[in-house]
PDB file of N, CA and C in Angstrom:
ATOM      1  N   MET A   1       0.826  -1.172  -0.011  1.00  0.00           N
ATOM      2  CA  MET A   1       0.015   0.036   0.002  1.00  0.00           C
ATOM      3  C   MET A   1       0.864   1.261   0.000  1.00  0.00           C
ATOM      4  N   ILE A   2       1.964   1.256   0.778  1.00  0.00           N
ATOM      5  CA  ILE A   2       2.812   2.441   0.833  1.00  0.00           C
ATOM      6  C   ILE A   2       3.458   2.698  -0.551  1.00  0.00           C
ATOM      7  N   LEU A   3       3.944   1.691  -1.196  1.00  0.00           N
ATOM      8  CA  LEU A   3       4.548   1.850  -2.506  1.00  0.00           C
ATOM      9  C   LEU A   3       3.522   2.407  -3.521  1.00  0.00           C
ATOM     10  N   GLU A   4       2.313   1.934  -3.431  1.00  0.00           N
ATOM     11  CA  GLU A   4       1.278   2.391  -4.332  1.00  0.00           C
ATOM     12  C   GLU A   4       0.803   3.788  -4.010  1.00  0.00           C
ATOM     13  N   GLU A   5       0.504   4.087  -2.749  1.00  0.00           N
ATOM     14  CA  GLU A   5       0.003   5.410  -2.350  1.00  0.00           C
ATOM     15  C   GLU A   5       1.025   6.497  -2.615  1.00  0.00           C
ATOM     16  N   CYS A   6       2.325   6.205  -2.457  1.00  0.00           N
ATOM     17  CA  CYS A   6       3.368   7.217  -2.596  1.00  0.00           C
ATOM     18  C   CYS A   6       4.026   7.177  -3.996  1.00  0.00           C
ATOM     19  N   ASP A   7       3.457   6.421  -4.901  1.00  0.00           N
ATOM     20  CA  ASP A   7       3.998   6.273  -6.288  1.00  0.00           C
ATOM     21  C   ASP A   7       5.496   5.932  -6.320  1.00  0.00           C
ATOM     22  N   VAL A   8       5.857   4.982  -5.489  1.00  0.00           N
ATOM     23  CA  VAL A   8       7.291   4.503  -5.426  1.00  0.00           C
ATOM     24  C   VAL A   8       7.423   3.364  -6.426  1.00  0.00           C
ATOM     25  N   GLU A   9       8.150   3.611  -7.512  1.00  0.00           N
ATOM     26  CA  GLU A   9       8.297   2.613  -8.563  1.00  0.00           C
ATOM     27  C   GLU A   9       9.742   2.042  -8.622  1.00  0.00           C
ATOM     28  N   HIS A  10      10.667   2.667  -7.950  1.00  0.00           N
ATOM     29  CA  HIS A  10      12.080   2.190  -8.025  1.00  0.00           C
ATOM     30  C   HIS A  10      12.439   1.109  -7.033  1.00  0.00           C
ATOM     31  N   ILE A  11      11.474   0.728  -6.189  1.00  0.00           N
ATOM     32  CA  ILE A  11      11.714  -0.360  -5.223  1.00  0.00           C
ATOM     33  C   ILE A  11      10.542  -1.327  -5.297  1.00  0.00           C
ATOM     34  N   SER A  12      10.849  -2.600  -5.346  1.00  0.00           N
ATOM     35  CA  SER A  12       9.760  -3.606  -5.359  1.00  0.00           C
ATOM     36  C   SER A  12       9.491  -4.039  -3.934  1.00  0.00           C
ATOM     37  N   LEU A  13       8.383  -4.625  -3.743  1.00  0.00           N
ATOM     38  CA  LEU A  13       7.919  -5.098  -2.439  1.00  0.00           C
ATOM     39  C   LEU A  13       8.983  -6.083  -1.850  1.00  0.00           C
ATOM     40  N   GLU A  14       9.555  -6.940  -2.653  1.00  0.00           N
ATOM     41  CA  GLU A  14      10.534  -7.920  -2.181  1.00  0.00           C
ATOM     42  C   GLU A  14      11.789  -7.230  -1.705  1.00  0.00           C
ATOM     43  N   GLN A  15      12.124  -6.048  -2.164  1.00  0.00           N
ATOM     44  CA  GLN A  15      13.311  -5.316  -1.781  1.00  0.00           C
ATOM     45  C   GLN A  15      13.201  -4.632  -0.461  1.00  0.00           C
ATOM     46  N   PHE A  16      11.976  -4.482   0.070  1.00  0.00           N
ATOM     47  CA  PHE A  16      11.721  -3.656   1.208  1.00  0.00           C
ATOM     48  C   PHE A  16      11.597  -4.551   2.444  1.00  0.00           C
ATOM     49  N   SER A  17      12.321  -4.270   3.486  1.00  0.00           N
ATOM     50  CA  SER A  17      12.301  -5.004   4.744  1.00  0.00           C
ATOM     51  C   SER A  17      11.191  -4.524   5.670  1.00  0.00           C
ATOM     52  N   ASP A  18      10.589  -5.420   6.420  1.00  0.00           N
ATOM     53  CA  ASP A  18       9.519  -5.078   7.331  1.00  0.00           C
ATOM     54  C   ASP A  18      10.026  -4.364   8.618  1.00  0.00           C
ATOM     55  N   THR A  19      11.351  -4.440   8.778  1.00  0.00           N
ATOM     56  CA  THR A  19      11.940  -3.810   9.975  1.00  0.00           C
ATOM     57  C   THR A  19      12.719  -2.528   9.739  1.00  0.00           C
ATOM     58  N   VAL A  20      12.874  -2.151   8.511  1.00  0.00           N
ATOM     59  CA  VAL A  20      13.623  -0.907   8.206  1.00  0.00           C
ATOM     60  C   VAL A  20      12.632   0.285   8.442  1.00  0.00           C
ATOM     61  N   GLN A  21      13.195   1.405   8.919  1.00  0.00           N
ATOM     62  CA  GLN A  21      12.377   2.554   9.189  1.00  0.00           C
ATOM     63  C   GLN A  21      11.893   3.153   7.916  1.00  0.00           C
ATOM     64  N   ILE A  22      10.560   3.280   7.771  1.00  0.00           N
ATOM     65  CA  ILE A  22       9.936   3.714   6.545  1.00  0.00           C
ATOM     66  C   ILE A  22      10.414   5.097   6.042  1.00  0.00           C
ATOM     67  N   PHE A  23      10.571   6.051   6.971  1.00  0.00           N
ATOM     68  CA  PHE A  23      10.909   7.410   6.606  1.00  0.00           C
ATOM     69  C   PHE A  23      12.413   7.693   6.768  1.00  0.00           C
ATOM     70  N   SER A  24      13.226   6.641   6.765  1.00  0.00           N
ATOM     71  CA  SER A  24      14.681   6.829   6.846  1.00  0.00           C
ATOM     72  C   SER A  24      15.307   6.785   5.508  1.00  0.00           C
ATOM     73  N   ASP A  25      16.558   7.283   5.383  1.00  0.00           N
ATOM     74  CA  ASP A  25      17.328   7.148   4.166  1.00  0.00           C
ATOM     75  C   ASP A  25      17.544   5.638   3.812  1.00  0.00           C
ATOM     76  N   GLU A  26      17.741   4.848   4.849  1.00  0.00           N
ATOM     77  CA  GLU A  26      18.010   3.421   4.712  1.00  0.00           C
ATOM     78  C   GLU A  26      16.923   2.701   3.902  1.00  0.00           C
ATOM     79  N   SER A  27      15.699   3.160   4.045  1.00  0.00           N
ATOM     80  CA  SER A  27      14.586   2.493   3.329  1.00  0.00           C
ATOM     81  C   SER A  27      14.693   2.669   1.851  1.00  0.00           C
ATOM     82  N   GLY A  28      15.290   3.755   1.383  1.00  0.00           N
ATOM     83  CA  GLY A  28      15.428   3.996  -0.048  1.00  0.00           C
ATOM     84  C   GLY A  28      14.087   4.543  -0.656  1.00  0.00           C
ATOM     85  N   LEU A  29      13.111   4.755   0.162  1.00  0.00           N
ATOM     86  CA  LEU A  29      11.777   5.250  -0.370  1.00  0.00           C
ATOM     87  C   LEU A  29      11.738   6.741  -0.616  1.00  0.00           C
ATOM     88  N   ASP A  30      12.591   7.460   0.005  1.00  0.00           N
ATOM     89  CA  ASP A  30      12.600   8.902  -0.078  1.00  0.00           C
ATOM     90  C   ASP A  30      11.260   9.537   0.198  1.00  0.00           C
ATOM     91  N   LEU A  31      10.616   9.134   1.327  1.00  0.00           N
ATOM     92  CA  LEU A  31       9.325   9.668   1.708  1.00  0.00           C
ATOM     93  C   LEU A  31       9.452  10.908   2.524  1.00  0.00           C
ATOM     94  N   ASP A  32       8.412  11.793   2.444  1.00  0.00           N
ATOM     95  CA  ASP A  32       8.417  12.992   3.256  1.00  0.00           C
ATOM     96  C   ASP A  32       7.054  13.144   3.882  1.00  0.00           C
ATOM     97  N   SER A  33       6.770  14.358   4.438  1.00  0.00           N
ATOM     98  CA  SER A  33       5.548  14.550   5.186  1.00  0.00           C
ATOM     99  C   SER A  33       4.312  14.453   4.278  1.00  0.00           C
ATOM    100  N   LEU A  34       4.421  14.840   3.024  1.00  0.00           N
ATOM    101  CA  LEU A  34       3.271  14.627   2.130  1.00  0.00           C
ATOM    102  C   LEU A  34       3.035  13.143   1.907  1.00  0.00           C
ATOM    103  N   ASP A  35       4.081  12.364   1.807  1.00  0.00           N
ATOM    104  CA  ASP A  35       3.850  10.912   1.703  1.00  0.00           C
ATOM    105  C   ASP A  35       3.194  10.328   2.930  1.00  0.00           C
ATOM    106  N   ALA A  36       3.559  10.865   4.114  1.00  0.00           N
ATOM    107  CA  ALA A  36       2.885  10.413   5.367  1.00  0.00           C
ATOM    108  C   ALA A  36       1.408  10.699   5.261  1.00  0.00           C
ATOM    109  N   LEU A  37       1.042  11.840   4.717  1.00  0.00           N
ATOM    110  CA  LEU A  37      -0.386  12.159   4.525  1.00  0.00           C
ATOM    111  C   LEU A  37      -1.047  11.240   3.532  1.00  0.00           C
ATOM    112  N   GLN A  38      -0.340  10.903   2.446  1.00  0.00           N
ATOM    113  CA  GLN A  38      -0.871   9.946   1.466  1.00  0.00           C
ATOM    114  C   GLN A  38      -1.107   8.580   2.120  1.00  0.00           C
ATOM    115  N   ILE A  39      -0.162   8.132   2.945  1.00  0.00           N
ATOM    116  CA  ILE A  39      -0.291   6.895   3.609  1.00  0.00           C
ATOM    117  C   ILE A  39      -1.476   6.869   4.564  1.00  0.00           C
ATOM    118  N   SER A  40      -1.659   7.970   5.277  1.00  0.00           N
ATOM    119  CA  SER A  40      -2.756   8.049   6.215  1.00  0.00           C
ATOM    120  C   SER A  40      -4.128   8.002   5.433  1.00  0.00           C
ATOM    121  N   VAL A  41      -4.184   8.646   4.294  1.00  0.00           N
ATOM    122  CA  VAL A  41      -5.402   8.600   3.444  1.00  0.00           C
ATOM    123  C   VAL A  41      -5.614   7.148   2.971  1.00  0.00           C
ATOM    124  N   GLY A  42      -4.549   6.496   2.602  1.00  0.00           N
ATOM    125  CA  GLY A  42      -4.684   5.076   2.174  1.00  0.00           C
ATOM    126  C   GLY A  42      -5.121   4.188   3.280  1.00  0.00           C
ATOM    127  N   LEU A  43      -4.616   4.386   4.486  1.00  0.00           N
ATOM    128  CA  LEU A  43      -5.043   3.581   5.616  1.00  0.00           C
ATOM    129  C   LEU A  43      -6.505   3.813   5.922  1.00  0.00           C
ATOM    130  N   LYS A  44      -6.958   5.015   5.816  1.00  0.00           N
ATOM    131  CA  LYS A  44      -8.393   5.413   6.071  1.00  0.00           C
ATOM    132  C   LYS A  44      -9.286   4.629   5.064  1.00  0.00           C
ATOM    133  N   SER A  45      -8.930   4.698   3.787  1.00  0.00           N
ATOM    134  CA  SER A  45      -9.755   4.135   2.696  1.00  0.00           C
ATOM    135  C   SER A  45      -9.669   2.647   2.731  1.00  0.00           C
ATOM    136  N   ARG A  46      -8.551   2.029   3.018  1.00  0.00           N
ATOM    137  CA  ARG A  46      -8.419   0.584   2.893  1.00  0.00           C
ATOM    138  C   ARG A  46      -8.731  -0.139   4.179  1.00  0.00           C
ATOM    139  N   PHE A  47      -8.403   0.443   5.316  1.00  0.00           N
ATOM    140  CA  PHE A  47      -8.552  -0.275   6.625  1.00  0.00           C
ATOM    141  C   PHE A  47      -9.454   0.470   7.607  1.00  0.00           C
ATOM    142  N   ASN A  48     -10.002   1.585   7.181  1.00  0.00           N
ATOM    143  CA  ASN A  48     -10.871   2.374   8.084  1.00  0.00           C
ATOM    144  C   ASN A  48     -10.131   2.800   9.308  1.00  0.00           C
ATOM    145  N   VAL A  49      -8.852   3.072   9.202  1.00  0.00           N
ATOM    146  CA  VAL A  49      -8.031   3.567  10.342  1.00  0.00           C
ATOM    147  C   VAL A  49      -7.818   5.039  10.142  1.00  0.00           C
ATOM    148  N   ARG A  50      -8.146   5.787  11.110  1.00  0.00           N
ATOM    149  CA  ARG A  50      -7.959   7.268  11.044  1.00  0.00           C
ATOM    150  C   ARG A  50      -6.728   7.707  11.810  1.00  0.00           C
ATOM    151  N   ILE A  51      -5.967   8.578  11.112  1.00  0.00           N
ATOM    152  CA  ILE A  51      -4.795   9.156  11.690  1.00  0.00           C
ATOM    153  C   ILE A  51      -4.992  10.673  11.744  1.00  0.00           C
ATOM    154  N   ALA A  52      -5.096  11.231  12.905  1.00  0.00           N
ATOM    155  CA  ALA A  52      -5.371  12.662  13.027  1.00  0.00           C
ATOM    156  C   ALA A  52      -4.180  13.531  12.724  1.00  0.00           C
ATOM    157  N   ASP A  53      -2.991  13.077  13.089  1.00  0.00           N
ATOM    158  CA  ASP A  53      -1.790  13.908  12.991  1.00  0.00           C
ATOM    159  C   ASP A  53      -0.704  13.131  12.289  1.00  0.00           C
ATOM    160  N   SER A  54      -0.329  13.549  11.067  1.00  0.00           N
ATOM    161  CA  SER A  54       0.697  12.831  10.286  1.00  0.00           C
ATOM    162  C   SER A  54       2.098  12.853  10.955  1.00  0.00           C
ATOM    163  N   LYS A  55       2.373  13.962  11.686  1.00  0.00           N
ATOM    164  CA  LYS A  55       3.625  13.989  12.393  1.00  0.00           C
ATOM    165  C   LYS A  55       3.708  12.971  13.522  1.00  0.00           C
ATOM    166  N   GLU A  56       2.594  12.813  14.199  1.00  0.00           N
ATOM    167  CA  GLU A  56       2.508  11.825  15.290  1.00  0.00           C
ATOM    168  C   GLU A  56       2.586  10.422  14.639  1.00  0.00           C
ATOM    169  N   PHE A  57       1.969  10.234  13.540  1.00  0.00           N
ATOM    170  CA  PHE A  57       2.007   8.936  12.809  1.00  0.00           C
ATOM    171  C   PHE A  57       3.434   8.621  12.513  1.00  0.00           C
ATOM    172  N   ARG A  58       4.234   9.579  11.949  1.00  0.00           N
ATOM    173  CA  ARG A  58       5.649   9.350  11.628  1.00  0.00           C
ATOM    174  C   ARG A  58       6.487   9.014  12.811  1.00  0.00           C
ATOM    175  N   ARG A  59       6.150   9.568  14.005  1.00  0.00           N
ATOM    176  CA  ARG A  59       6.875   9.253  15.219  1.00  0.00           C
ATOM    177  C   ARG A  59       6.486   7.877  15.753  1.00  0.00           C
ATOM    178  N   ARG A  60       5.259   7.524  15.680  1.00  0.00           N
ATOM    179  CA  ARG A  60       4.761   6.240  16.280  1.00  0.00           C
ATOM    180  C   ARG A  60       4.960   5.037  15.384  1.00  0.00           C
ATOM    181  N   VAL A  61       4.749   5.217  14.126  1.00  0.00           N
ATOM    182  CA  VAL A  61       4.832   4.079  13.150  1.00  0.00           C
ATOM    183  C   VAL A  61       6.031   4.251  12.302  1.00  0.00           C
ATOM    184  N   THR A  62       7.121   3.569  12.677  1.00  0.00           N
ATOM    185  CA  THR A  62       8.366   3.806  11.916  1.00  0.00           C
ATOM    186  C   THR A  62       8.723   2.643  11.008  1.00  0.00           C
ATOM    187  N   THR A  63       8.137   1.429  11.189  1.00  0.00           N
ATOM    188  CA  THR A  63       8.445   0.281  10.357  1.00  0.00           C
ATOM    189  C   THR A  63       7.148  -0.372   9.846  1.00  0.00           C
ATOM    190  N   ILE A  64       7.296  -1.221   8.860  1.00  0.00           N
ATOM    191  CA  ILE A  64       6.128  -1.990   8.377  1.00  0.00           C
ATOM    192  C   ILE A  64       5.516  -2.825   9.479  1.00  0.00           C
ATOM    193  N   ASN A  65       6.343  -3.459  10.337  1.00  0.00           N
ATOM    194  CA  ASN A  65       5.826  -4.219  11.452  1.00  0.00           C
ATOM    195  C   ASN A  65       5.018  -3.389  12.398  1.00  0.00           C
ATOM    196  N   GLU A  66       5.516  -2.155  12.693  1.00  0.00           N
ATOM    197  CA  GLU A  66       4.727  -1.269  13.552  1.00  0.00           C
ATOM    198  C   GLU A  66       3.451  -0.784  12.870  1.00  0.00           C
ATOM    199  N   LEU A  67       3.512  -0.587  11.565  1.00  0.00           N
ATOM    200  CA  LEU A  67       2.272  -0.231  10.828  1.00  0.00           C
ATOM    201  C   LEU A  67       1.267  -1.367  10.918  1.00  0.00           C
ATOM    202  N   ALA A  68       1.733  -2.582  10.786  1.00  0.00           N
ATOM    203  CA  ALA A  68       0.762  -3.742  10.862  1.00  0.00           C
ATOM    204  C   ALA A  68       0.130  -3.764  12.304  1.00  0.00           C
ATOM    205  N   ASP A  69       0.985  -3.558  13.316  1.00  0.00           N
ATOM    206  CA  ASP A  69       0.435  -3.500  14.685  1.00  0.00           C
ATOM    207  C   ASP A  69      -0.527  -2.340  14.873  1.00  0.00           C
ATOM    208  N   PHE A  70      -0.279  -1.205  14.239  1.00  0.00           N
ATOM    209  CA  PHE A  70      -1.125  -0.076  14.339  1.00  0.00           C
ATOM    210  C   PHE A  70      -2.514  -0.360  13.664  1.00  0.00           C
ATOM    211  N   ILE A  71      -2.472  -1.036  12.539  1.00  0.00           N
ATOM    212  CA  ILE A  71      -3.735  -1.350  11.826  1.00  0.00           C
ATOM    213  C   ILE A  71      -4.555  -2.444  12.572  1.00  0.00           C
ATOM    214  N   GLN A  72      -3.841  -3.412  13.053  1.00  0.00           N
ATOM    215  CA  GLN A  72      -4.498  -4.527  13.728  1.00  0.00           C
ATOM    216  C   GLN A  72      -3.841  -4.772  15.097  1.00  0.00           C
ATOM    217  N   PRO A  73      -4.207  -3.946  16.095  1.00  0.00           N
ATOM    218  CA  PRO A  73      -3.619  -4.143  17.416  1.00  0.00           C
ATOM    219  C   PRO A  73      -3.986  -5.478  18.069  1.00  0.00           C
ATOM    220  N   GLU A  74      -3.063  -5.978  18.885  1.00  0.00           N
ATOM    221  CA  GLU A  74      -3.332  -7.215  19.595  1.00  0.00           C
ATOM    222  C   GLU A  74      -4.493  -7.004  20.587  1.00  0.00           C
ATOM    223  N   GLU A  75      -5.301  -8.000  20.761  1.00  0.00           N
ATOM    224  CA  GLU A  75      -6.426  -7.914  21.649  1.00  0.00           C
ATOM    225  C   GLU A  75      -6.125  -8.619  22.943  1.00  0.00           C
TER     226      GLU A  75
END
């Protein structure tokens, strides 16, 4: 979803690690605050998850694994 929402075409899903920080240089995604907003819109439309503050989202959800936990918290 991140690759699609942020129009990332230079990295395939297989090249991206679930533990690398999404907004870091190490990820190779080159994402910024506008991309965080795009991701939050995608999460709302696909998973009905609302993110009020994209800056807070970037602080709390730093990896794919954390994003998965955010979308589907343990009960």
